[in-house]
Amino acid sequence: LNSEVRKYSTWYVTQHPSDESWRDAVAILLNTGGYQNPEILDLLRLGQRAGVLNDAKLYLEYMDAADYRRLPAEVVSLIDEGYAKGVLDKTDPYVVDTRRQAAERAAKDRADLASLKADADKAGASINTVLAAGDTLLGLGEPANAETYYAKAVDMPGANTPMVLTRLGIAQFDQGKFAEAKATFDKVEGARKAIANLWAIYATQQASGAAM
């Protein structure tokens, strides 16, 4: 009864927001959505923002979904967070090696960032280049710059519109632009709709908290 359990978990987190309800909502969608890594990444990003990633399995799943070869800076930050929370084992060879390789690649990403942005700014830039700029900037913790490239990518031919909109919303969320983020998440259709819906709920709750 996957659709039913997702419906009730959404109601639960809407009516009774808490660490427990958010942890359940993220876990239920993760376990019933049948998602691939790009969707898992954006769902676990929500879990990380909500502060409800509480075991090594979720951190390792997030690490694999982010992929240190694609989003090395985000993987470094994630592993460091897991270490700080005592969730990840600092002697685990897989985690140690992943962090080392991610840190090396993150340094290269930072060194190459100006060139990547210049390529993405070109009038004839491909969707892959523009999206790579957005993804890299979001992973580096520069959501305002990431938003620019996601906004450009969303209308480009060949764009995976639900994915780009999801990440545009995340970039807006990370800037504290909660109302704009919710409006963006509300546009997401298809298999990602349930993920975007949870993000929209969380953005609304954060907006209410920010206004208090």
Protein backbone atom coordinates (compact mmCIF):
# COMPACT_ATOMS: atom_id res chain seq x y z
CA LEU A 1 0.00 0.00 0.00
CA ASN A 2 2.76 2.40 -0.99
CA SER A 3 0.56 5.26 -2.16
CA GLU A 4 -1.52 5.09 1.03
CA VAL A 5 1.47 5.09 3.36
CA ARG A 6 2.98 8.03 1.50
CA LYS A 7 -0.29 9.93 1.75
CA TYR A 8 -0.58 9.42 5.50
CA SER A 9 3.07 10.22 6.13
CA THR A 10 2.56 13.50 4.26
CA TRP A 11 -0.44 14.33 6.41
CA TYR A 12 1.53 13.39 9.52
CA VAL A 13 4.43 15.70 8.70
CA THR A 14 2.04 18.51 7.73
CA GLN A 15 -0.10 18.33 10.85
CA HIS A 16 2.57 17.28 13.36
CA PRO A 17 5.98 18.49 12.16
CA SER A 18 8.81 17.11 14.27
CA ASP A 19 12.13 15.33 13.85
CA GLU A 20 10.29 12.04 14.16
CA SER A 21 7.61 12.78 11.58
CA TRP A 22 10.11 14.20 9.10
CA ARG A 23 12.43 11.24 9.57
CA ASP A 24 9.52 8.90 8.89
CA ALA A 25 8.30 10.85 5.85
CA VAL A 26 11.74 10.85 4.22
CA ALA A 27 12.37 7.18 5.04
CA ILE A 28 8.95 6.07 3.76
CA LEU A 29 9.38 7.87 0.45
CA LEU A 30 12.93 6.56 0.13
CA ASN A 31 11.78 2.99 0.70
CA THR A 32 8.64 3.06 -1.44
CA GLY A 33 9.47 5.43 -4.30
CA GLY A 34 11.57 3.07 -6.40
CA TYR A 35 13.91 5.96 -7.13
CA GLN A 36 17.28 6.08 -8.85
CA ASN A 37 20.27 8.04 -7.55
CA PRO A 38 19.30 11.49 -8.90
CA GLU A 39 15.95 11.31 -7.07
CA ILE A 40 17.48 9.74 -3.95
CA LEU A 41 20.00 12.58 -3.84
CA ASP A 42 17.36 15.30 -3.80
CA LEU A 43 15.23 13.42 -1.26
CA LEU A 44 18.17 12.91 1.11
CA ARG A 45 19.14 16.54 0.66
CA LEU A 46 15.78 17.29 2.25
CA GLY A 47 16.55 14.88 5.08
CA GLN A 48 19.89 16.60 5.61
CA ARG A 49 18.34 20.10 5.63
CA ALA A 50 15.69 18.87 8.09
CA GLY A 51 18.41 17.37 10.29
CA VAL A 52 16.87 13.90 10.35
CA LEU A 53 19.66 11.76 8.89
CA ASN A 54 20.50 9.71 11.95
CA ASP A 55 22.25 6.54 10.87
CA ALA A 56 25.24 5.46 8.82
CA LYS A 57 23.09 3.73 6.20
CA LEU A 58 21.41 6.99 5.19
CA TYR A 59 24.72 8.84 5.06
CA LEU A 60 26.26 6.12 2.91
CA GLU A 61 23.23 6.14 0.62
CA TYR A 62 23.49 9.92 0.30
CA MET A 63 27.23 9.60 -0.44
CA ASP A 64 26.58 7.09 -3.21
CA ALA A 65 23.75 9.17 -4.69
CA ALA A 66 25.85 12.35 -4.69
CA ASP A 67 28.87 10.49 -6.15
CA TYR A 68 32.24 12.00 -5.21
CA ARG A 69 33.13 12.17 -8.91
CA ARG A 70 30.18 14.46 -9.64
CA LEU A 71 29.59 16.42 -6.42
CA PRO A 72 32.84 16.07 -4.47
CA ALA A 73 32.44 19.17 -2.28
CA GLU A 74 28.99 18.05 -1.16
CA VAL A 75 30.34 14.58 -0.34
CA VAL A 76 33.15 16.08 1.77
CA SER A 77 30.67 18.23 3.71
CA LEU A 78 28.35 15.28 4.18
CA ILE A 79 31.10 12.99 5.51
CA ASP A 80 32.36 15.71 7.85
CA GLU A 81 28.83 16.17 9.15
CA GLY A 82 28.53 12.41 9.70
CA TYR A 83 31.83 12.41 11.58
CA ALA A 84 30.76 15.38 13.73
CA LYS A 85 27.49 13.66 14.64
CA GLY A 86 29.28 10.40 15.45
CA VAL A 87 27.23 8.58 12.84
CA LEU A 88 30.08 7.70 10.47
CA ASP A 89 33.07 5.65 11.59
CA LYS A 90 36.31 7.59 11.09
CA THR A 91 38.17 4.29 10.65
CA ASP A 92 35.90 2.94 7.91
CA PRO A 93 38.26 2.52 4.91
CA TYR A 94 35.50 3.15 2.37
CA VAL A 95 34.47 6.44 3.97
CA VAL A 96 38.06 7.56 4.53
CA ASP A 97 39.05 6.81 0.93
CA THR A 98 35.90 8.41 -0.46
CA ARG A 99 36.54 11.58 1.51
CA ARG A 100 40.17 11.74 0.35
CA GLN A 101 39.23 11.41 -3.31
CA ALA A 102 36.31 13.80 -2.93
CA ALA A 103 38.52 16.44 -1.31
CA GLU A 104 41.01 16.21 -4.19
CA ARG A 105 38.26 16.58 -6.76
CA ALA A 106 36.58 19.42 -4.83
CA ALA A 107 39.82 21.40 -4.93
CA LYS A 108 39.95 20.90 -8.69
CA ASP A 109 36.30 21.95 -9.05
CA ARG A 110 37.04 25.19 -7.21
CA ALA A 111 40.07 25.83 -9.40
CA ASP A 112 38.05 25.18 -12.58
CA LEU A 113 34.89 26.99 -11.47
CA ALA A 114 35.51 30.25 -13.34
CA SER A 115 36.06 28.33 -16.58
CA LEU A 116 32.93 26.24 -16.07
CA LYS A 117 30.82 29.33 -15.41
CA ALA A 118 32.24 31.04 -18.49
CA ASP A 119 31.32 28.04 -20.65
CA ALA A 120 27.82 27.90 -19.13
CA ASP A 121 27.31 31.61 -19.73
CA LYS A 122 27.87 31.29 -23.46
CA ALA A 123 24.83 31.72 -25.67
CA GLY A 124 25.39 28.34 -27.28
CA ALA A 125 26.09 26.44 -24.04
CA SER A 126 24.68 22.93 -23.92
CA ILE A 127 22.13 21.82 -21.36
CA ASN A 128 24.75 19.51 -19.83
CA THR A 129 27.20 22.38 -19.32
CA VAL A 130 24.60 24.69 -17.78
CA LEU A 131 23.31 21.95 -15.51
CA ALA A 132 26.86 21.01 -14.49
CA ALA A 133 27.45 24.61 -13.44
CA GLY A 134 24.29 24.62 -11.35
CA ASP A 135 25.06 21.28 -9.73
CA THR A 136 28.68 22.21 -8.98
CA LEU A 137 27.72 25.54 -7.45
CA LEU A 138 24.98 23.99 -5.32
CA GLY A 139 27.43 21.36 -4.10
CA LEU A 140 29.97 24.08 -3.29
CA GLY A 141 27.41 25.90 -1.14
CA GLU A 142 26.74 28.76 -3.58
CA PRO A 143 22.95 28.50 -4.01
CA ALA A 144 22.45 32.03 -5.37
CA ASN A 145 24.82 31.35 -8.26
CA ALA A 146 23.38 27.86 -8.71
CA GLU A 147 19.89 29.34 -9.02
CA THR A 148 21.01 31.40 -12.04
CA TYR A 149 22.08 28.32 -13.97
CA TYR A 150 19.12 26.16 -12.99
CA ALA A 151 16.79 28.99 -14.07
CA LYS A 152 18.59 29.06 -17.42
CA ALA A 153 18.55 25.26 -17.76
CA VAL A 154 14.85 24.77 -17.07
CA ASP A 155 13.77 26.22 -20.44
CA MET A 156 16.53 24.68 -22.53
CA PRO A 157 15.82 21.93 -25.08
CA GLY A 158 16.54 18.50 -23.68
CA ALA A 159 16.20 19.56 -20.05
CA ASN A 160 14.92 17.05 -17.49
CA THR A 161 12.41 19.63 -16.32
CA PRO A 162 11.27 17.89 -13.10
CA MET A 163 14.88 17.45 -11.96
CA VAL A 164 15.92 20.98 -12.87
CA LEU A 165 12.87 22.47 -11.12
CA THR A 166 13.58 20.38 -8.02
CA ARG A 167 17.14 21.66 -7.85
CA LEU A 168 16.09 25.22 -8.64
CA GLY A 169 13.75 24.99 -5.66
CA ILE A 170 16.54 23.63 -3.46
CA ALA A 171 18.83 26.50 -4.48
CA GLN A 172 16.07 28.98 -3.59
CA PHE A 173 15.39 27.17 -0.32
CA ASP A 174 19.05 27.32 0.67
CA GLN A 175 18.93 31.11 0.26
CA GLY A 176 15.94 31.35 2.59
CA LYS A 177 13.63 32.22 -0.33
CA PHE A 178 11.01 29.84 1.00
CA ALA A 179 7.93 31.20 -0.79
CA GLU A 180 9.74 31.15 -4.14
CA ALA A 181 11.04 27.67 -3.42
CA LYS A 182 7.54 26.39 -2.65
CA ALA A 183 6.19 27.89 -5.88
CA THR A 184 8.97 26.14 -7.81
CA PHE A 185 8.42 22.80 -6.08
CA ASP A 186 4.71 23.04 -6.85
CA LYS A 187 5.52 23.00 -10.58
CA VAL A 188 7.24 19.59 -10.44
CA GLU A 189 5.34 16.77 -12.10
CA GLY A 190 5.96 13.08 -12.73
CA ALA A 191 7.89 10.68 -10.53
CA ARG A 192 9.52 13.52 -8.61
CA LYS A 193 6.23 15.12 -7.58
CA ALA A 194 6.14 13.34 -4.19
CA ILE A 195 9.69 14.48 -3.42
CA ALA A 196 8.94 18.05 -4.44
CA ASN A 197 5.74 17.98 -2.38
CA LEU A 198 7.71 17.16 0.77
CA TRP A 199 10.15 19.93 -0.04
CA ALA A 200 7.23 22.34 -0.53
CA ILE A 201 5.78 21.40 2.86
CA TYR A 202 9.13 21.89 4.56
CA ALA A 203 9.65 25.24 2.81
CA THR A 204 6.24 26.40 4.03
CA GLN A 205 7.07 25.35 7.59
CA GLN A 206 10.44 27.12 7.44
CA ALA A 207 8.75 30.27 6.14
CA SER A 208 6.33 30.19 9.08
CA GLY A 209 9.23 29.74 11.48
CA ALA A 210 11.21 32.53 9.88
CA ALA A 211 8.24 34.87 10.26
CA MET A 212 7.81 34.16 13.97
